[in-house]
N, C-alpha and C. Protein backbone atom coordinates (compact mmCIF):
# COMPACT_ATOMS: atom_id res chain seq x y z
N MET A 1 -14.40 36.12 63.70
CA MET A 1 -13.70 37.00 62.80
C MET A 1 -13.78 37.05 61.41
N SER A 2 -14.04 38.56 60.46
CA SER A 2 -14.11 38.30 58.92
C SER A 2 -13.37 38.93 58.51
N TYR A 3 -13.02 38.41 57.29
CA TYR A 3 -11.90 38.92 56.38
C TYR A 3 -12.15 39.42 55.21
N GLN A 4 -11.21 40.11 54.30
CA GLN A 4 -11.65 40.91 53.39
C GLN A 4 -11.73 39.90 52.06
N GLU A 5 -12.67 39.57 51.50
CA GLU A 5 -12.86 38.61 50.70
C GLU A 5 -11.80 38.51 49.44
N TYR A 6 -11.55 37.53 48.68
CA TYR A 6 -10.42 37.61 47.63
C TYR A 6 -10.80 36.56 46.68
N GLU A 7 -11.48 36.73 45.37
CA GLU A 7 -11.73 36.13 44.51
C GLU A 7 -10.45 35.57 43.45
N PHE A 8 -9.91 34.36 43.26
CA PHE A 8 -8.48 34.36 42.49
C PHE A 8 -9.42 34.25 41.00
N ASP A 9 -8.60 34.94 40.04
CA ASP A 9 -8.92 34.95 38.90
C ASP A 9 -7.71 34.54 38.36
N GLU A 10 -7.78 33.32 37.26
CA GLU A 10 -6.69 32.80 36.79
C GLU A 10 -6.12 33.70 35.10
N ARG A 11 -6.92 34.68 34.60
CA ARG A 11 -6.77 35.43 33.76
C ARG A 11 -5.19 36.19 34.31
N LEU A 12 -4.36 36.03 34.01
CA LEU A 12 -2.87 36.92 34.42
C LEU A 12 -3.00 38.55 34.02
N GLU A 13 -3.73 39.06 33.17
CA GLU A 13 -3.83 40.45 33.29
C GLU A 13 -4.86 41.03 34.10
N HIS A 14 -5.35 40.03 34.68
CA HIS A 14 -6.56 40.51 36.05
C HIS A 14 -5.68 40.01 37.19
N ALA A 15 -4.72 40.06 37.38
CA ALA A 15 -3.87 39.68 38.65
C ALA A 15 -3.92 40.50 39.69
N SER A 16 -3.92 40.22 40.90
CA SER A 16 -3.86 41.06 41.93
C SER A 16 -3.58 40.19 43.12
N THR A 17 -3.05 40.89 43.80
CA THR A 17 -2.09 40.36 45.31
C THR A 17 -3.52 40.19 46.29
N LEU A 18 -3.09 39.00 47.23
CA LEU A 18 -3.70 38.81 48.61
C LEU A 18 -4.05 40.25 49.40
N PRO A 19 -4.89 40.30 50.18
CA PRO A 19 -5.42 41.22 50.97
C PRO A 19 -3.95 41.68 51.42
N SER A 20 -3.81 42.95 52.05
CA SER A 20 -2.58 42.87 53.16
C SER A 20 -2.84 42.35 54.18
N GLU A 21 -3.99 42.33 54.68
CA GLU A 21 -4.37 41.97 56.53
C GLU A 21 -3.88 40.83 56.51
N TRP A 22 -4.03 39.90 55.25
CA TRP A 22 -3.83 37.88 55.19
C TRP A 22 -2.27 38.16 55.85
N TYR A 23 -1.29 39.14 55.75
CA TYR A 23 0.02 38.87 56.06
C TYR A 23 0.37 39.48 57.45
N THR A 24 -0.55 40.13 58.07
CA THR A 24 -0.37 40.77 59.33
C THR A 24 -1.31 40.66 60.30
N ASP A 25 -2.46 39.72 60.26
CA ASP A 25 -3.36 39.65 61.08
C ASP A 25 -2.79 38.41 62.41
N ALA A 26 -2.96 38.49 63.21
CA ALA A 26 -2.55 37.36 63.74
C ALA A 26 -3.55 36.01 64.08
N HIS A 27 -5.21 36.80 63.65
CA HIS A 27 -6.14 35.52 63.46
C HIS A 27 -6.12 35.08 62.22
N MET A 28 -5.63 35.25 61.05
CA MET A 28 -5.44 34.56 60.05
C MET A 28 -4.21 33.45 60.29
N LEU A 29 -3.03 34.26 60.94
CA LEU A 29 -1.89 32.90 60.79
C LEU A 29 -2.25 31.86 61.74
N GLU A 30 -3.47 32.29 62.74
CA GLU A 30 -3.73 30.79 63.46
C GLU A 30 -4.60 30.12 62.64
N ALA A 31 -5.53 30.68 61.81
CA ALA A 31 -6.53 30.04 60.97
C ALA A 31 -5.77 29.20 60.06
N GLU A 32 -4.41 29.87 59.37
CA GLU A 32 -3.65 29.31 58.50
C GLU A 32 -2.92 27.52 59.26
N LYS A 33 -2.68 28.13 60.17
CA LYS A 33 -2.16 26.90 60.91
C LYS A 33 -3.17 25.71 61.18
N GLU A 34 -4.11 26.17 61.54
CA GLU A 34 -4.84 24.72 61.68
C GLU A 34 -5.26 24.24 60.16
N LYS A 35 -5.83 25.51 59.01
CA LYS A 35 -6.62 24.70 57.84
C LYS A 35 -5.59 24.48 56.75
N VAL A 36 -4.20 25.32 56.94
CA VAL A 36 -3.12 24.73 56.05
C VAL A 36 -2.47 23.88 56.35
N PHE A 37 -1.78 24.32 57.54
CA PHE A 37 -0.57 23.33 58.10
C PHE A 37 -0.83 22.26 58.68
N GLY A 38 -2.37 22.58 59.51
CA GLY A 38 -3.00 21.16 60.12
C GLY A 38 -3.36 20.24 59.13
N ARG A 39 -3.62 20.38 57.76
CA ARG A 39 -4.11 19.79 57.16
C ARG A 39 -3.62 18.99 55.87
N THR A 40 -2.33 19.61 55.81
CA THR A 40 -1.91 19.14 54.18
C THR A 40 -0.76 18.42 54.21
N TRP A 41 -0.12 17.69 53.52
CA TRP A 41 1.32 16.95 53.73
C TRP A 41 2.68 17.49 53.99
N GLN A 42 3.28 17.43 54.97
CA GLN A 42 4.27 18.07 54.90
C GLN A 42 5.44 17.51 54.93
N LEU A 43 6.52 17.57 54.03
CA LEU A 43 7.91 17.06 54.31
C LEU A 43 8.34 17.39 55.14
N VAL A 44 9.14 16.32 56.09
CA VAL A 44 9.34 16.15 57.31
C VAL A 44 11.00 15.58 57.53
N GLY A 45 11.84 14.86 56.68
CA GLY A 45 12.85 14.15 56.55
C GLY A 45 12.93 13.07 55.49
N ARG A 46 14.31 12.64 55.71
CA ARG A 46 15.04 11.25 54.66
C ARG A 46 14.28 10.10 55.40
N ALA A 47 13.73 9.17 54.34
CA ALA A 47 13.69 7.87 55.09
C ALA A 47 14.91 7.25 55.07
N ASP A 48 15.85 7.18 54.58
CA ASP A 48 17.21 6.55 55.48
C ASP A 48 17.51 7.12 56.63
N ALA A 49 17.07 8.24 57.15
CA ALA A 49 17.14 8.24 58.60
C ALA A 49 16.31 7.64 59.57
N VAL A 50 15.19 6.60 59.09
CA VAL A 50 14.38 5.70 59.72
C VAL A 50 13.87 4.62 59.15
N ALA A 51 15.37 3.93 58.80
CA ALA A 51 15.16 2.44 57.72
C ALA A 51 15.17 1.64 58.96
N GLN A 52 15.88 1.55 59.97
CA GLN A 52 16.11 0.51 61.11
C GLN A 52 15.53 0.63 62.16
N PRO A 53 14.79 -0.69 62.78
CA PRO A 53 14.07 -0.19 64.13
C PRO A 53 14.52 0.40 65.06
N GLY A 54 13.98 1.37 65.79
CA GLY A 54 14.50 2.08 66.72
C GLY A 54 15.13 3.51 66.42
N GLN A 55 15.22 3.63 65.09
CA GLN A 55 15.77 4.83 64.53
C GLN A 55 14.37 6.23 64.32
N TYR A 56 14.73 7.19 64.75
CA TYR A 56 13.84 8.46 64.56
C TYR A 56 14.45 9.79 64.87
N PHE A 57 13.69 10.79 63.88
CA PHE A 57 14.01 11.82 64.01
C PHE A 57 12.77 12.76 64.30
N THR A 58 13.26 14.34 65.06
CA THR A 58 12.11 14.95 65.28
C THR A 58 12.17 15.75 64.17
N ALA A 59 10.40 16.84 64.12
CA ALA A 59 10.61 17.92 63.28
C ALA A 59 9.30 18.68 64.24
N ASN A 60 9.11 19.82 63.63
CA ASN A 60 7.87 20.84 63.68
C ASN A 60 7.13 20.90 62.44
N ILE A 61 5.69 21.07 62.64
CA ILE A 61 4.84 21.15 61.40
C ILE A 61 3.78 22.10 61.99
N GLY A 62 3.73 23.22 61.99
CA GLY A 62 3.24 24.30 62.45
C GLY A 62 3.66 24.67 63.94
N ASP A 63 2.74 24.57 64.79
CA ASP A 63 3.02 24.36 65.96
C ASP A 63 3.35 22.84 66.49
N GLU A 64 3.43 22.50 65.70
CA GLU A 64 2.91 20.97 66.72
C GLU A 64 4.45 20.36 66.35
N PRO A 65 4.75 20.01 67.75
CA PRO A 65 6.25 18.97 67.60
C PRO A 65 5.88 17.72 66.95
N VAL A 66 6.76 17.16 66.35
CA VAL A 66 6.49 15.52 65.86
C VAL A 66 7.52 14.82 65.81
N ILE A 67 7.46 13.57 66.15
CA ILE A 67 8.41 12.41 66.14
C ILE A 67 8.11 11.39 65.01
N VAL A 68 8.92 10.82 64.36
CA VAL A 68 8.85 10.02 63.23
C VAL A 68 9.87 8.76 63.61
N ALA A 69 9.62 7.73 64.04
CA ALA A 69 10.23 6.67 64.35
C ALA A 69 9.66 5.11 63.70
N ARG A 70 10.58 4.56 63.36
CA ARG A 70 10.30 2.92 62.78
C ARG A 70 10.40 2.09 64.01
N GLY A 71 9.04 1.38 64.25
CA GLY A 71 8.72 0.55 65.36
C GLY A 71 9.61 -0.74 65.11
N THR A 72 9.40 -1.69 66.30
CA THR A 72 10.23 -2.89 66.65
C THR A 72 9.47 -3.71 65.60
N ASP A 73 8.07 -3.89 65.19
CA ASP A 73 7.49 -4.29 64.40
C ASP A 73 7.99 -3.77 62.64
N GLY A 74 8.65 -2.85 62.75
CA GLY A 74 9.06 -2.47 61.40
C GLY A 74 8.37 -1.22 60.75
N ASN A 75 6.99 -1.08 61.13
CA ASN A 75 6.01 0.15 60.80
C ASN A 75 7.00 1.25 60.93
N LEU A 76 6.66 2.31 60.40
CA LEU A 76 7.01 3.89 60.25
C LEU A 76 5.55 4.43 60.92
N ARG A 77 5.58 5.32 62.08
CA ARG A 77 4.87 5.75 62.60
C ARG A 77 5.06 7.53 62.44
N ALA A 78 4.35 8.52 62.73
CA ALA A 78 4.47 9.41 63.41
C ALA A 78 3.14 10.13 64.32
N PHE A 79 4.00 10.69 65.50
CA PHE A 79 3.54 10.84 66.57
C PHE A 79 3.79 12.40 67.47
N SER A 80 2.89 12.71 68.22
CA SER A 80 3.04 14.09 68.62
C SER A 80 4.43 13.77 70.08
N ASN A 81 5.56 15.29 69.95
CA ASN A 81 6.46 14.61 70.64
C ASN A 81 5.93 16.03 71.86
N ILE A 82 4.88 15.91 72.75
CA ILE A 82 4.70 16.26 73.60
C ILE A 82 3.95 15.18 74.43
N CYS A 83 4.64 14.87 75.89
CA CYS A 83 4.00 14.18 77.14
C CYS A 83 2.91 14.35 77.18
N ARG A 84 2.07 13.26 77.61
CA ARG A 84 0.49 13.73 78.04
C ARG A 84 0.46 13.83 79.57
N HIS A 85 1.43 14.07 80.22
CA HIS A 85 1.51 14.63 81.76
C HIS A 85 1.64 15.87 81.94
N ARG A 86 2.75 16.55 81.62
CA ARG A 86 2.78 18.28 81.71
C ARG A 86 3.64 18.51 80.54
N ALA A 87 3.33 17.97 79.44
CA ALA A 87 3.46 18.69 77.86
C ALA A 87 5.44 18.87 77.71
N GLY A 88 5.67 18.14 78.51
CA GLY A 88 7.48 18.51 78.15
C GLY A 88 7.31 17.26 76.89
N PRO A 89 8.67 17.73 76.03
CA PRO A 89 9.24 17.16 75.01
C PRO A 89 9.74 15.60 75.64
N VAL A 90 9.10 14.53 74.71
CA VAL A 90 9.99 13.29 75.15
C VAL A 90 10.96 12.70 73.93
N ALA A 91 11.48 13.31 73.24
CA ALA A 91 12.28 13.12 72.22
C ALA A 91 13.43 14.65 71.59
N SER A 92 14.50 14.39 71.24
CA SER A 92 15.21 15.73 70.48
C SER A 92 15.75 14.87 69.34
N GLY A 93 16.39 15.60 68.49
CA GLY A 93 17.08 15.77 67.38
C GLY A 93 16.45 14.27 66.99
N ALA A 94 17.36 13.81 66.51
CA ALA A 94 17.24 12.20 65.85
C ALA A 94 18.41 11.48 66.47
N GLY A 95 18.52 9.98 65.96
CA GLY A 95 18.79 9.15 66.52
C GLY A 95 18.35 7.57 66.52
N ARG A 96 18.65 6.75 67.35
CA ARG A 96 18.17 5.14 67.66
C ARG A 96 18.20 5.14 69.06
N ARG A 97 16.91 4.70 69.54
CA ARG A 97 16.55 4.28 70.87
C ARG A 97 15.83 3.43 71.29
N ASN A 98 15.55 2.70 72.34
CA ASN A 98 14.57 1.81 72.29
C ASN A 98 13.14 2.21 72.82
N SER A 99 13.21 3.41 73.24
CA SER A 99 11.81 4.34 73.83
C SER A 99 12.49 5.53 73.99
N PHE A 100 11.14 6.19 74.60
CA PHE A 100 11.06 7.96 74.62
C PHE A 100 11.18 8.23 76.07
N GLN A 101 11.88 9.26 76.67
CA GLN A 101 11.09 9.38 77.64
C GLN A 101 11.50 10.90 78.40
N CYS A 102 9.93 11.17 78.64
CA CYS A 102 10.32 12.70 78.90
C CYS A 102 10.90 13.70 79.93
N GLY A 103 11.73 14.31 79.63
CA GLY A 103 12.59 15.14 80.52
C GLY A 103 12.32 15.50 81.68
N TYR A 104 10.91 15.98 81.53
CA TYR A 104 10.59 16.70 83.64
C TYR A 104 9.75 15.48 84.14
N HIS A 105 9.45 14.55 83.86
CA HIS A 105 8.87 13.64 85.17
C HIS A 105 9.07 12.29 84.86
N GLY A 106 9.89 11.65 83.83
CA GLY A 106 10.29 10.31 83.20
C GLY A 106 8.93 9.52 82.38
N TRP A 107 8.07 10.09 82.36
CA TRP A 107 6.97 9.06 81.48
C TRP A 107 7.51 8.67 80.46
N THR A 108 7.56 7.13 79.95
CA THR A 108 7.99 6.85 79.09
C THR A 108 7.19 6.15 77.69
N TYR A 109 7.83 6.53 76.57
CA TYR A 109 6.51 6.03 75.87
C TYR A 109 7.48 4.88 74.71
N ALA A 110 6.79 4.18 74.33
CA ALA A 110 7.44 3.02 73.52
C ALA A 110 7.59 3.33 71.83
N LEU A 111 8.06 2.59 71.03
CA LEU A 111 8.41 3.17 69.54
C LEU A 111 6.85 3.55 68.68
N ASP A 112 5.88 3.22 69.80
CA ASP A 112 4.86 3.14 68.85
C ASP A 112 3.78 4.42 68.90
N GLY A 113 4.57 4.99 70.00
CA GLY A 113 3.65 6.16 70.74
C GLY A 113 2.87 5.94 72.51
N SER A 114 2.94 4.31 72.41
CA SER A 114 1.90 3.92 73.40
C SER A 114 3.00 4.22 75.02
N LEU A 115 2.34 4.77 75.73
CA LEU A 115 2.67 4.71 77.21
C LEU A 115 3.12 3.46 77.96
N ILE A 116 4.36 3.24 78.58
CA ILE A 116 4.67 1.78 79.07
C ILE A 116 5.12 2.09 80.56
N ALA A 117 5.66 3.47 81.00
CA ALA A 117 5.75 3.57 82.29
C ALA A 117 5.67 4.62 83.17
N THR A 118 5.36 5.15 84.23
CA THR A 118 5.08 6.45 84.63
C THR A 118 5.54 6.40 86.37
N ARG A 119 6.24 7.21 86.50
CA ARG A 119 7.12 6.98 88.16
C ARG A 119 6.08 7.41 88.89
N GLU A 120 5.97 6.44 89.90
CA GLU A 120 5.32 7.02 91.36
C GLU A 120 3.69 6.94 91.22
N PHE A 121 2.95 6.53 90.01
CA PHE A 121 1.98 6.90 89.56
C PHE A 121 0.94 5.18 90.51
N ASP A 122 1.30 4.74 91.04
CA ASP A 122 0.88 3.27 91.20
C ASP A 122 -0.47 3.87 92.22
N GLY A 123 -1.57 2.98 92.02
CA GLY A 123 -2.71 3.65 93.02
C GLY A 123 -3.52 4.76 92.62
N VAL A 124 -3.06 5.32 91.69
CA VAL A 124 -3.97 6.52 90.47
C VAL A 124 -5.41 5.89 89.85
N GLU A 125 -6.20 6.45 90.22
CA GLU A 125 -7.90 6.13 89.78
C GLU A 125 -8.28 6.74 88.61
N CYS A 126 -9.00 6.15 87.99
CA CYS A 126 -9.75 6.82 86.61
C CYS A 126 -8.92 7.30 85.60
N TRP A 127 -7.99 6.39 85.24
CA TRP A 127 -7.12 6.63 84.24
C TRP A 127 -6.48 5.46 83.96
N SER A 128 -5.83 5.38 82.46
CA SER A 128 -4.95 4.27 82.04
C SER A 128 -4.40 4.67 81.01
N LYS A 129 -2.75 3.77 80.87
CA LYS A 129 -1.93 4.12 80.20
C LYS A 129 -2.57 4.18 78.67
N GLU A 130 -3.19 3.04 78.36
CA GLU A 130 -4.36 2.95 77.25
C GLU A 130 -4.46 4.36 76.79
N GLU A 131 -5.23 5.19 77.44
CA GLU A 131 -5.84 6.09 77.17
C GLU A 131 -4.81 7.58 77.04
N ASN A 132 -3.69 7.67 77.16
CA ASN A 132 -2.68 8.12 77.25
C ASN A 132 -1.47 8.20 76.37
N CYS A 133 -1.53 7.39 75.51
CA CYS A 133 -0.35 7.76 74.23
C CYS A 133 -0.38 8.51 73.76
N LEU A 134 0.79 8.81 73.05
CA LEU A 134 0.84 9.92 72.14
C LEU A 134 0.30 9.95 70.94
N PRO A 135 -0.76 11.17 70.59
CA PRO A 135 -1.67 10.90 69.61
C PRO A 135 -0.73 10.82 67.89
N LEU A 136 -1.45 9.82 67.32
CA LEU A 136 -0.65 9.49 66.29
C LEU A 136 -0.89 10.51 64.87
N PHE A 137 -0.12 10.53 63.95
CA PHE A 137 -0.73 11.38 62.53
C PHE A 137 -0.55 10.62 61.54
N ARG A 138 -0.57 10.71 60.48
CA ARG A 138 -0.37 10.10 58.93
C ARG A 138 0.62 10.09 58.54
N VAL A 139 1.56 9.08 57.94
CA VAL A 139 3.10 9.21 57.64
C VAL A 139 2.74 8.37 56.47
N GLU A 140 3.72 8.87 55.16
CA GLU A 140 3.74 8.18 54.03
C GLU A 140 5.57 8.52 53.75
N THR A 141 5.56 7.99 52.79
CA THR A 141 6.99 8.24 51.97
C THR A 141 6.98 7.99 50.34
N TRP A 142 7.66 9.23 49.91
CA TRP A 142 7.55 9.12 48.44
C TRP A 142 9.01 9.25 47.94
N GLY A 143 9.55 7.62 47.53
CA GLY A 143 10.91 7.30 47.43
C GLY A 143 11.56 7.77 48.75
N ALA A 144 12.60 8.61 48.56
CA ALA A 144 13.69 8.71 50.02
C ALA A 144 13.17 9.83 50.94
N LEU A 145 11.80 10.56 50.19
CA LEU A 145 10.94 11.52 51.66
C LEU A 145 9.97 10.95 52.25
N VAL A 146 9.91 11.23 53.66
CA VAL A 146 8.88 11.18 54.49
C VAL A 146 7.91 12.45 54.77
N PHE A 147 6.75 12.31 54.58
CA PHE A 147 5.70 13.30 54.52
C PHE A 147 4.65 13.02 55.68
N VAL A 148 4.38 13.98 56.27
CA VAL A 148 3.24 13.80 57.63
C VAL A 148 2.30 14.54 57.54
N ASN A 149 1.14 14.20 57.91
CA ASN A 149 0.23 15.46 58.11
C ASN A 149 -0.50 14.67 59.42
N LEU A 150 -0.76 15.97 59.71
CA LEU A 150 -1.82 16.02 61.43
C LEU A 150 -3.17 15.53 61.25
N ASP A 151 -3.83 15.89 59.82
CA ASP A 151 -5.26 15.48 59.76
C ASP A 151 -5.09 14.00 59.56
N THR A 152 -5.74 13.09 60.51
CA THR A 152 -5.75 11.56 59.89
C THR A 152 -6.56 11.17 59.59
N GLU A 153 -7.64 12.38 58.95
CA GLU A 153 -8.92 11.87 57.70
C GLU A 153 -8.35 12.42 56.37
N CYS A 154 -7.21 13.07 56.28
CA CYS A 154 -6.44 13.30 55.07
C CYS A 154 -6.72 12.66 53.61
N ALA A 155 -6.55 12.87 52.69
CA ALA A 155 -6.78 11.99 51.71
C ALA A 155 -5.08 11.47 51.48
N PRO A 156 -4.73 10.12 50.77
CA PRO A 156 -3.45 9.90 50.65
C PRO A 156 -1.95 10.97 50.31
N LEU A 157 -1.30 10.36 50.13
CA LEU A 157 -0.37 11.57 49.72
C LEU A 157 -0.38 11.70 48.44
N GLY A 158 -0.95 10.47 47.70
CA GLY A 158 -0.44 10.39 45.68
C GLY A 158 -1.38 11.35 45.40
N GLU A 159 -2.73 11.49 46.14
CA GLU A 159 -3.31 12.59 45.86
C GLU A 159 -2.90 13.94 45.79
N THR A 160 -1.70 14.48 46.48
CA THR A 160 -0.77 15.63 46.41
C THR A 160 -0.12 15.80 45.19
N LEU A 161 0.54 14.58 45.24
CA LEU A 161 1.71 14.53 44.48
C LEU A 161 1.45 14.35 42.94
N GLU A 162 0.20 13.94 42.71
CA GLU A 162 -0.44 13.83 41.36
C GLU A 162 0.52 13.31 40.66
N ASP A 163 0.65 13.60 39.31
CA ASP A 163 1.40 12.66 38.18
C ASP A 163 2.96 13.33 38.85
N LEU A 164 3.33 13.98 40.11
CA LEU A 164 5.10 14.37 39.82
C LEU A 164 5.99 12.53 40.04
N PRO A 165 5.41 11.81 41.00
CA PRO A 165 6.12 10.56 40.76
C PRO A 165 6.28 9.97 39.29
N GLN A 166 5.47 10.12 38.39
CA GLN A 166 5.38 9.80 37.09
C GLN A 166 6.49 10.64 36.32
N LEU A 167 6.49 11.45 36.59
CA LEU A 167 7.39 12.81 35.59
C LEU A 167 9.03 12.52 36.08
N THR A 168 9.53 12.18 37.79
CA THR A 168 10.49 11.98 38.13
C THR A 168 11.06 10.68 37.93
N GLY A 169 10.10 9.44 37.90
CA GLY A 169 10.28 8.49 38.08
C GLY A 169 11.74 7.57 37.23
N GLN A 170 12.11 8.51 36.05
CA GLN A 170 12.86 7.89 34.82
C GLN A 170 14.33 8.65 35.13
N ARG A 171 14.41 9.52 36.42
CA ARG A 171 15.46 10.31 36.71
C ARG A 171 16.58 9.53 37.61
N GLU A 172 17.29 9.46 37.06
CA GLU A 172 18.44 8.19 37.36
C GLU A 172 19.19 8.53 38.89
N GLY A 173 19.14 8.14 39.82
CA GLY A 173 19.59 8.20 41.08
C GLY A 173 18.90 8.80 42.13
N TRP A 174 17.45 9.06 41.87
CA TRP A 174 16.58 9.66 42.55
C TRP A 174 16.23 9.28 43.72
N ASN A 175 16.10 8.36 44.37
CA ASN A 175 15.82 7.31 45.10
C ASN A 175 17.52 7.02 46.14
N SER A 176 18.25 7.10 45.19
CA SER A 176 19.51 6.79 46.00
C SER A 176 20.39 7.85 46.83
N MET A 177 20.20 9.05 46.29
CA MET A 177 20.36 10.39 47.01
C MET A 177 21.24 9.97 48.51
N GLN A 178 21.83 10.52 48.59
CA GLN A 178 22.84 10.45 50.18
C GLN A 178 22.40 11.81 50.45
N PHE A 179 22.05 12.06 52.18
CA PHE A 179 22.17 13.36 52.88
C PHE A 179 23.42 13.75 52.82
N ALA A 180 23.69 15.10 52.77
CA ALA A 180 25.12 15.29 52.55
C ALA A 180 25.24 16.51 53.76
N ALA A 181 24.08 17.55 54.05
CA ALA A 181 24.25 18.61 55.36
C ALA A 181 23.05 19.32 55.34
N ARG A 182 23.00 19.77 56.33
CA ARG A 182 21.38 20.66 56.41
C ARG A 182 22.13 22.19 56.94
N LYS A 183 21.41 22.90 56.29
CA LYS A 183 21.63 24.37 56.85
C LYS A 183 20.21 25.13 57.06
N GLU A 184 19.80 25.80 58.14
CA GLU A 184 18.59 26.03 58.48
C GLU A 184 18.88 28.14 58.71
N TRP A 185 18.15 28.68 58.61
CA TRP A 185 17.72 30.08 58.17
C TRP A 185 16.36 30.32 59.06
N TYR A 186 16.44 31.07 59.72
CA TYR A 186 15.29 32.17 60.10
C TYR A 186 14.98 32.96 59.84
N LEU A 187 13.47 33.34 59.39
CA LEU A 187 13.58 34.70 58.23
C LEU A 187 12.18 35.08 59.18
N ASP A 188 12.18 36.61 59.65
CA ASP A 188 11.43 36.99 60.69
C ASP A 188 10.38 37.62 59.34
N CYS A 189 9.45 37.00 58.89
CA CYS A 189 8.36 37.49 57.87
C CYS A 189 7.24 36.60 58.00
N ASN A 190 6.35 36.63 57.82
CA ASN A 190 5.03 35.85 57.45
C ASN A 190 5.14 35.18 56.42
N TRP A 191 5.01 33.77 56.46
CA TRP A 191 5.45 32.59 55.63
C TRP A 191 4.90 32.60 53.95
N LYS A 192 4.01 33.76 53.75
CA LYS A 192 3.33 33.54 52.77
C LYS A 192 4.39 34.58 51.61
N VAL A 193 4.81 35.73 52.70
CA VAL A 193 6.08 36.48 51.78
C VAL A 193 7.00 35.71 51.47
N TYR A 194 7.93 34.55 51.88
CA TYR A 194 8.70 34.05 51.30
C TYR A 194 8.03 32.99 50.25
N VAL A 195 6.97 32.40 50.24
CA VAL A 195 6.24 31.68 49.31
C VAL A 195 6.07 32.49 48.14
N ASP A 196 5.91 34.02 48.12
CA ASP A 196 5.55 34.62 46.80
C ASP A 196 6.88 34.96 46.78
N ASN A 197 7.73 35.07 47.02
CA ASN A 197 8.95 35.23 46.65
C ASN A 197 9.51 34.08 45.78
N TYR A 198 9.60 33.20 46.31
CA TYR A 198 10.01 31.71 45.93
C TYR A 198 9.07 31.33 44.41
N LEU A 199 8.33 31.84 44.14
CA LEU A 199 7.13 31.63 43.32
C LEU A 199 7.31 32.25 42.00
N GLU A 200 7.87 33.63 42.16
CA GLU A 200 7.92 34.33 41.18
C GLU A 200 9.11 34.41 40.45
N GLY A 201 9.50 34.67 39.14
CA GLY A 201 10.82 35.10 38.89
C GLY A 201 11.32 36.35 38.51
N TYR A 202 10.38 37.15 38.66
CA TYR A 202 10.50 38.60 38.30
C TYR A 202 11.94 39.43 38.71
N HIS A 203 12.52 38.67 40.50
CA HIS A 203 13.56 39.44 40.58
C HIS A 203 14.41 38.62 40.22
N ILE A 204 14.48 37.55 39.64
CA ILE A 204 15.74 36.79 39.31
C ILE A 204 16.66 37.79 38.52
N PRO A 205 16.53 38.39 37.30
CA PRO A 205 17.48 39.17 36.61
C PRO A 205 18.38 40.08 37.64
N ILE A 206 17.91 40.87 38.60
CA ILE A 206 18.16 41.72 39.18
C ILE A 206 19.13 41.32 40.62
N VAL A 207 18.52 40.62 41.63
CA VAL A 207 18.96 39.45 42.58
C VAL A 207 20.14 38.47 42.19
N HIS A 208 19.79 37.81 41.10
CA HIS A 208 20.43 36.49 41.17
C HIS A 208 20.72 36.18 39.25
N PRO A 209 21.73 37.34 38.97
CA PRO A 209 22.37 37.28 37.62
C PRO A 209 23.03 36.42 37.21
N SER A 210 23.55 35.62 37.80
CA SER A 210 24.45 34.36 37.50
C SER A 210 23.38 33.40 37.25
N LEU A 211 22.22 32.77 38.33
CA LEU A 211 20.91 32.14 37.86
C LEU A 211 20.50 32.56 36.38
N ASN A 212 20.45 33.95 36.50
CA ASN A 212 19.57 34.74 34.99
C ASN A 212 20.09 33.96 33.75
N ARG A 213 21.67 34.14 33.59
CA ARG A 213 22.53 33.87 32.48
C ARG A 213 22.51 31.91 32.15
N GLU A 214 22.06 31.33 33.51
CA GLU A 214 21.99 30.03 33.31
C GLU A 214 20.51 29.69 32.51
N LEU A 215 19.44 30.29 32.76
CA LEU A 215 18.35 30.58 32.36
C LEU A 215 17.66 30.91 31.25
């Protein structure tokens, strides 16, 4: 599949939009899931939700369901929330558990993603529990925030953050903020449409007059 080429010009007076097909072509979306969401650090939750052994929460990065859990060894891990047997989810929501169990056939996984129990599998040959662990992903924290990258060969989170930690390091209370509430909205649009909207301030005087007065 070939796409219309797009060359970025940093000169504002020469600015242009992305080719329209990049917003509508299903093949382009699949490529973005692989090359954008599959290879970049994504914010998935808060560190205080997984501060103690056994605490976990679930999230999605693109089409990949993810579990973030604190193991009994104190290590924070992120791994796939897809059972290696018949692809059922092994966890939902958030909480604290000693293990994760698929609701389809009961395969059970430890807090580090390793497979520890399989019902009625005695005698099955040419397979092993060790080779059927939940795939691990990269996980790092920045202050109170947890980030996951599906690409295990990715650069450290610090390279993405660049000088952001230094710029915010003097802000009082940054790492002590407490979770207050969660709200979710579903927008029936290509993800880039939403990004285009919040990256530009051209609409603010018309759509957000009170914010415009503050600015």
